[in-house]
Protein backbone atom coordinates (compact mmCIF):
# COMPACT_ATOMS: atom_id res chain seq x y z
CA MET A 1 0.00 0.00 0.00
CA HIS A 2 1.39 3.40 -1.02
CA GLN A 3 1.65 5.94 1.78
CA HIS A 4 1.49 9.68 1.04
CA SER A 5 3.74 12.11 2.86
CA THR A 6 2.03 14.64 5.14
CA HIS A 7 2.88 17.40 2.66
CA GLU A 8 1.25 15.47 -0.22
CA GLN A 9 -1.81 14.70 1.89
CA ALA A 10 -2.39 18.35 2.72
CA ALA A 11 -1.47 19.73 -0.71
CA ILE A 12 -4.87 19.46 -2.37
CA ASN A 13 -6.64 20.90 0.62
CA THR A 14 -4.51 24.01 0.96
CA PRO A 15 -4.75 27.51 -0.43
CA ASP A 16 -1.46 26.74 -2.23
CA PHE A 17 -3.22 24.28 -4.55
CA VAL A 18 -6.08 26.66 -5.38
CA SER A 19 -3.64 29.54 -5.90
CA PHE A 20 -1.46 27.36 -8.17
CA LEU A 21 -4.47 26.19 -10.18
CA LYS A 22 -5.65 29.77 -10.76
CA LYS A 23 -2.15 30.88 -11.86
CA ALA A 24 -1.81 27.86 -14.16
CA LYS A 25 -5.15 28.43 -15.85
CA GLN A 26 -4.45 32.14 -16.35
CA ALA A 27 -0.97 31.43 -17.74
CA THR A 28 -1.97 28.78 -20.30
CA TYR A 29 -4.94 28.63 -22.74
CA ALA A 30 -6.51 31.91 -21.58
CA ASN A 31 -3.21 33.75 -22.05
CA ASN A 32 -2.66 34.65 -25.71
CA ALA A 33 1.07 35.07 -25.07
CA ASN A 34 1.43 31.34 -24.34
CA LYS A 35 1.42 29.13 -27.42
CA PRO A 36 0.53 25.45 -27.07
CA GLU A 37 2.68 22.51 -28.01
CA ARG A 38 1.19 20.63 -30.95
CA ILE A 39 1.26 16.86 -30.58
CA GLU A 40 -0.35 14.55 -33.14
CA GLY A 41 -3.35 16.79 -33.84
CA CYS A 42 -3.72 17.89 -30.23
CA LYS A 43 -2.70 20.98 -28.28
CA GLU A 44 -1.02 20.91 -24.91
CA TYR A 45 -0.33 23.66 -22.39
CA ILE A 46 2.05 23.08 -19.48
CA TYR A 47 2.70 25.23 -16.43
CA GLN A 48 5.06 24.39 -13.58
CA ASP A 49 5.91 26.07 -10.29
CA GLY A 50 8.21 24.16 -7.94
CA PRO A 51 6.62 20.80 -7.05
CA TRP A 52 3.36 21.77 -8.82
CA HIS A 53 2.78 20.73 -12.45
CA TYR A 54 -0.30 21.54 -14.60
CA ARG A 55 -1.12 20.07 -17.99
CA ASP A 56 -4.06 20.94 -20.25
CA TYR A 57 -4.31 18.64 -23.27
CA TYR A 58 -7.12 18.93 -25.83
CA ALA A 59 -8.16 18.06 -29.36
CA GLY A 60 -10.52 19.72 -31.79
CA SER A 61 -11.46 23.26 -32.61
CA THR A 62 -15.10 24.02 -33.38
CA LEU A 63 -15.90 21.01 -31.18
CA PHE A 64 -13.26 20.11 -28.61
CA GLY A 65 -12.56 17.85 -25.67
CA GLY A 66 -9.72 17.68 -23.23
CA MET A 67 -8.34 17.03 -19.80
CA GLU A 68 -6.46 19.04 -17.20
CA LEU A 69 -4.19 17.30 -14.70
CA VAL A 70 -2.36 18.67 -11.66
CA ARG A 71 0.56 16.80 -10.12
CA PHE A 72 2.27 17.53 -6.84
CA ASN A 73 5.75 16.05 -6.47
CA HIS A 74 5.05 13.97 -9.61
CA GLN A 75 1.87 12.43 -8.12
CA PRO A 76 -1.44 13.13 -9.94
CA ILE A 77 -3.72 14.80 -7.38
CA TRP A 78 -6.46 16.57 -9.36
CA THR A 79 -8.14 16.39 -12.77
CA MET A 80 -10.84 17.97 -14.89
CA SER A 81 -12.30 16.70 -18.18
CA TYR A 82 -14.28 18.89 -20.56
CA TYR A 83 -16.18 18.73 -23.83
CA GLY A 84 -18.03 21.33 -25.84
CA GLY A 85 -17.84 23.77 -28.68
CA ILE A 86 -19.74 26.02 -31.03
CA LEU A 87 -23.36 24.98 -31.42
CA GLU A 88 -24.39 23.87 -34.89
CA PRO A 89 -27.11 26.56 -35.37
CA ALA A 90 -24.46 29.22 -34.60
CA LEU A 91 -22.20 27.85 -37.33
CA SER A 92 -24.61 29.02 -40.02
CA HIS A 93 -24.44 32.56 -38.61
CA LEU A 94 -20.66 32.83 -38.46
CA THR A 95 -19.59 35.73 -40.64
CA ILE A 96 -16.42 37.61 -41.46
CA ASN A 97 -17.79 40.46 -39.35
CA THR A 98 -18.32 40.18 -35.58
CA LEU A 99 -19.43 36.59 -34.94
CA THR A 100 -16.49 34.41 -35.94
CA GLU A 101 -15.07 31.26 -34.39
CA GLN A 102 -11.97 33.25 -33.41
CA ALA A 103 -14.10 35.96 -31.78
CA ILE A 104 -16.03 33.37 -29.76
CA PHE A 105 -12.85 31.80 -28.38
CA GLU A 106 -11.21 35.19 -27.74
CA PHE A 107 -14.23 36.16 -25.64
CA LEU A 108 -14.02 32.80 -23.83
CA LYS A 109 -10.37 33.52 -22.99
CA LYS A 110 -11.36 36.88 -21.48
CA ALA A 111 -13.89 35.10 -19.27
CA LEU A 112 -11.39 32.41 -18.25
CA LEU A 113 -8.87 35.04 -17.13
CA LEU A 114 -11.52 36.14 -14.59
CA CYS A 115 -11.69 32.77 -12.80
CA THR A 116 -12.33 33.18 -9.09
CA SER A 117 -9.81 32.51 -6.35
CA GLU A 118 -12.38 30.43 -4.45
CA LEU A 119 -13.14 27.96 -7.27
CA PRO A 120 -10.78 28.48 -10.24
CA LEU A 121 -12.33 25.90 -12.55
CA ARG A 122 -13.51 28.02 -15.49
CA GLY A 123 -14.64 31.66 -15.68
CA PRO A 124 -16.78 33.66 -13.23
CA GLU A 125 -20.48 33.02 -12.68
CA GLU A 126 -21.34 35.77 -15.18
CA PHE A 127 -19.42 38.14 -17.44
CA SER A 128 -20.54 40.37 -20.28
CA GLU A 129 -18.90 42.72 -22.73
CA GLY A 130 -20.84 44.47 -25.46
CA ARG A 131 -22.95 41.91 -27.35
CA TRP A 132 -21.20 38.99 -25.62
CA GLY A 133 -22.26 37.13 -22.49
CA TYR A 134 -20.74 34.30 -20.45
CA LYS A 135 -22.45 32.17 -17.78
CA ASN A 136 -20.87 29.43 -15.71
CA THR A 137 -22.83 27.13 -13.40
CA VAL A 138 -20.88 24.77 -11.17
CA GLN A 139 -21.97 22.26 -8.52
CA GLY A 140 -19.78 20.79 -5.78
CA SER A 141 -16.34 21.73 -4.51
CA ILE A 142 -12.81 21.75 -5.89
CA MET A 143 -12.59 18.08 -4.81
CA ASN A 144 -15.73 16.86 -6.66
CA PHE A 145 -17.50 19.09 -9.18
CA TRP A 146 -19.39 19.33 -12.44
CA GLY A 147 -20.34 22.38 -14.42
CA HIS A 148 -21.70 23.93 -17.56
CA GLU A 149 -20.68 27.16 -19.27
CA VAL A 150 -22.29 29.02 -22.16
CA ILE A 151 -21.30 31.93 -24.37
CA THR A 152 -24.03 34.08 -25.85
CA TYR A 153 -23.99 36.62 -28.64
CA ASP A 154 -26.95 38.99 -28.76
CA ASN A 155 -28.53 36.75 -26.06
CA VAL A 156 -28.35 33.63 -28.28
CA ILE A 157 -26.22 30.69 -27.07
CA VAL A 158 -23.40 30.17 -29.58
CA CYS A 159 -21.01 27.97 -27.59
CA GLU A 160 -21.30 25.66 -24.60
CA GLN A 161 -19.14 23.29 -22.62
CA ARG A 162 -19.60 20.76 -19.83
CA TYR A 163 -16.89 19.82 -17.36
CA VAL A 164 -16.38 17.42 -14.48
CA GLY A 165 -13.55 16.57 -12.13
CA GLY A 166 -12.03 16.61 -8.69
CA GLY A 167 -9.33 15.27 -6.46
CA LEU A 168 -7.55 11.98 -7.09
CA LEU A 169 -6.84 11.19 -3.45
CA PHE A 170 -9.38 9.70 -1.08
CA ALA A 171 -10.64 12.19 1.49
CA SER A 172 -9.18 10.02 4.25
CA LYS A 173 -5.73 10.62 2.72
CA ILE A 174 -6.05 14.40 2.82
CA ALA A 175 -5.12 16.22 5.99
């Protein structure tokens, strides 16, 4: 039976983990300055800070799916899987003007940069800018959660995503 050190046990339950997760999310996909690695048709973002390591690996574009993984001292401790994309009815309205695939994902990145310090899973509960809107509904805690986010344009849903995840250590192993 594998025993976890006291530091590993407490890691997921500390403000350090939540702070690291927020920094990692804001430094990777949501940050236009950070370019992903391209691996066999997929994109991968990596962020590391001391013993903490974050990886976001996804495939697709208009429709996409992926997984985020956090390791502490090389041990996987937390994960989130997601799937979503631009809704088919919205595809017929994409134009060269304002509503483009690029514009949708640029707005999503703005929302993701606003993730909360309390639950840095996706963006805030609500965010709007001009004709754009973002809503994020999440249930549970950082250790066991599921959620749904939508992007609207002129109050019409154009993109949505579902996500689920949590800790990879049993509660009895966390201090």
